[in-house]
Amino acid sequence: MAVSRSFVQLFSDLDVRQTQLGVLTIIEGSPGLKPSQIGAAIGIKRANVGPLLDELEHRGLVRREPSPSDRRSQALFLTETGTTLMAALHQREAAHEERIAAFLTPEERAVLLDLLRRVEQGARDAAEEEAGAEEAD
């Protein structure tokens, strides 16, 4: 909770919530993904992805284009404004991470990052399984 509270304070003037940062980060790292892929990557239900993307698009941070591989679906990309915002967010995010991990030794940080990556992968795997089960229904 303390880390979450710290995050809110750090990014409040940029009007970015953690979920929004997650979506923007996924789009930045993998431009052209479909909304369902974004949702699966960060564990957001399909019904909640659309409104979240609508909000980001309304703010001029994300644009939707027809998918080149399937014209029925959309591909997501950051706009120039989104790219500029992400640069500012990355700077603050790095400072935030440095501040909350300052009490760890370099070795402890490496172990923590490894464990967090494993938890993240487990969460992604579970979200993909849930998305597959929802699509099958």
Protein backbone atom coordinates (compact mmCIF):
# COMPACT_ATOMS: atom_id res chain seq x y z
CA MET A 1 0.00 0.00 0.00
CA ALA A 2 2.83 2.40 0.79
CA VAL A 3 4.39 1.82 -2.64
CA SER A 4 1.01 2.36 -4.28
CA ARG A 5 0.45 5.56 -2.32
CA SER A 6 3.92 6.75 -3.29
CA PHE A 7 3.14 6.01 -6.95
CA VAL A 8 -0.07 8.05 -6.81
CA GLN A 9 1.78 11.01 -5.30
CA LEU A 10 4.59 10.80 -7.82
CA PHE A 11 2.36 10.73 -10.91
CA SER A 12 -0.71 12.68 -9.76
CA ASP A 13 0.23 15.88 -11.61
CA LEU A 14 0.46 13.89 -14.86
CA ASP A 15 -2.98 12.35 -14.22
CA VAL A 16 -1.76 8.78 -14.73
CA ARG A 17 -3.01 5.79 -12.77
CA GLN A 18 -1.07 2.55 -12.38
CA THR A 19 -3.35 0.67 -14.77
CA GLN A 20 -2.94 3.38 -17.40
CA LEU A 21 0.83 3.24 -17.03
CA GLY A 22 0.67 -0.52 -17.47
CA VAL A 23 -1.34 -0.19 -20.69
CA LEU A 24 0.91 2.54 -22.06
CA THR A 25 4.02 0.52 -21.21
CA ILE A 26 2.70 -2.56 -23.01
CA ILE A 27 1.77 -0.52 -26.09
CA GLU A 28 5.15 1.21 -26.05
CA GLY A 29 7.01 -2.09 -25.85
CA SER A 30 4.82 -3.93 -28.36
CA PRO A 31 3.17 -1.50 -30.74
CA GLY A 32 0.36 -2.93 -32.84
CA LEU A 33 -1.12 -5.27 -30.24
CA LYS A 34 -4.87 -5.85 -30.12
CA PRO A 35 -6.91 -4.63 -27.14
CA SER A 36 -7.49 -8.22 -25.99
CA GLN A 37 -3.72 -8.80 -25.95
CA ILE A 38 -3.21 -5.67 -23.85
CA GLY A 39 -5.84 -6.83 -21.39
CA ALA A 40 -4.31 -10.30 -21.14
CA ALA A 41 -0.82 -8.86 -20.61
CA ILE A 42 -1.82 -6.87 -17.55
CA GLY A 43 -4.79 -8.87 -16.33
CA ILE A 44 -7.65 -6.54 -17.25
CA LYS A 45 -10.97 -8.09 -18.22
CA ARG A 46 -12.01 -7.60 -21.82
CA ALA A 47 -15.03 -5.50 -20.78
CA ASN A 48 -12.74 -3.03 -18.97
CA VAL A 49 -10.10 -2.66 -21.68
CA GLY A 50 -12.32 -0.71 -24.08
CA PRO A 51 -13.22 2.12 -21.69
CA LEU A 52 -9.61 2.39 -20.55
CA LEU A 53 -8.40 2.65 -24.14
CA ASP A 54 -11.17 5.15 -24.93
CA GLU A 55 -9.88 7.35 -22.11
CA LEU A 56 -6.27 7.13 -23.30
CA GLU A 57 -7.34 7.83 -26.88
CA HIS A 58 -9.46 10.79 -25.77
CA ARG A 59 -6.38 12.21 -24.02
CA GLY A 60 -4.42 11.86 -27.27
CA LEU A 61 -2.00 9.27 -25.89
CA VAL A 62 -3.04 6.23 -27.92
CA ARG A 63 -4.31 5.73 -31.45
CA ARG A 64 -6.16 2.78 -32.93
CA GLU A 65 -5.61 1.57 -36.47
CA PRO A 66 -7.03 -1.37 -38.37
CA SER A 67 -4.84 -4.39 -37.78
CA PRO A 68 -2.82 -5.24 -40.90
CA SER A 69 -3.34 -8.96 -40.25
CA ASP A 70 -7.07 -8.76 -39.42
CA ARG A 71 -9.04 -5.73 -40.56
CA ARG A 72 -11.83 -6.62 -38.11
CA SER A 73 -9.60 -5.88 -35.14
CA GLN A 74 -7.64 -2.85 -34.00
CA ALA A 75 -3.93 -2.35 -33.51
CA LEU A 76 -2.80 0.05 -30.78
CA PHE A 77 0.02 2.59 -30.96
CA LEU A 78 1.29 5.48 -28.88
CA THR A 79 0.83 8.92 -30.34
CA GLU A 80 3.61 11.50 -30.28
CA THR A 81 2.00 12.92 -27.13
CA GLY A 82 1.94 9.43 -25.64
CA THR A 83 5.60 8.90 -26.45
CA THR A 84 6.53 12.23 -24.83
CA LEU A 85 4.51 11.38 -21.73
CA MET A 86 6.16 7.96 -21.50
CA ALA A 87 9.61 9.56 -21.48
CA ALA A 88 8.59 11.70 -18.50
CA LEU A 89 6.97 8.71 -16.79
CA HIS A 90 10.09 6.57 -17.26
CA GLN A 91 12.23 9.24 -15.59
CA ARG A 92 9.90 9.48 -12.63
CA GLU A 93 9.43 5.73 -12.48
CA ALA A 94 13.20 5.19 -12.30
CA ALA A 95 13.49 7.76 -9.49
CA HIS A 96 10.55 6.14 -7.70
CA GLU A 97 12.09 2.67 -7.94
CA GLU A 98 15.45 3.99 -6.78
CA ARG A 99 13.87 5.65 -3.77
CA ILE A 100 11.85 2.63 -2.64
CA ALA A 101 14.73 0.19 -3.19
CA ALA A 102 17.48 2.37 -1.70
CA PHE A 103 17.70 0.22 1.42
CA LEU A 104 18.61 -2.92 -0.59
CA THR A 105 22.11 -4.00 -1.56
CA PRO A 106 22.79 -4.58 -5.26
CA GLU A 107 22.61 -8.34 -4.66
CA GLU A 108 19.27 -8.03 -2.87
CA ARG A 109 17.91 -5.90 -5.71
CA ALA A 110 18.93 -8.55 -8.23
CA VAL A 111 17.14 -11.24 -6.23
CA LEU A 112 14.06 -9.05 -5.79
CA LEU A 113 13.90 -8.25 -9.52
CA ASP A 114 14.25 -11.93 -10.39
CA LEU A 115 11.43 -12.85 -8.02
CA LEU A 116 9.20 -10.04 -9.31
CA ARG A 117 9.81 -11.13 -12.92
CA ARG A 118 8.76 -14.65 -11.99
CA VAL A 119 5.61 -13.38 -10.27
CA GLU A 120 4.89 -11.17 -13.29
CA GLN A 121 5.26 -14.13 -15.65
CA GLY A 122 2.94 -16.20 -13.47
CA ALA A 123 0.36 -13.40 -13.53
CA ARG A 124 0.64 -13.12 -17.32
CA ASP A 125 0.26 -16.87 -17.74
CA ALA A 126 -2.83 -16.86 -15.51
CA ALA A 127 -4.34 -13.89 -17.39
CA GLU A 128 -3.73 -15.60 -20.73
CA GLU A 129 -5.41 -18.76 -19.44
CA GLU A 130 -8.39 -16.72 -18.24
CA ALA A 131 -8.60 -14.86 -21.57
CA GLY A 132 -8.49 -18.18 -23.42
CA ALA A 133 -11.23 -19.58 -21.21
CA GLU A 134 -13.40 -16.46 -21.77
CA GLU A 135 -12.93 -16.70 -25.55
CA ALA A 136 -13.87 -20.37 -25.47
CA ASP A 137 -17.13 -19.57 -23.65
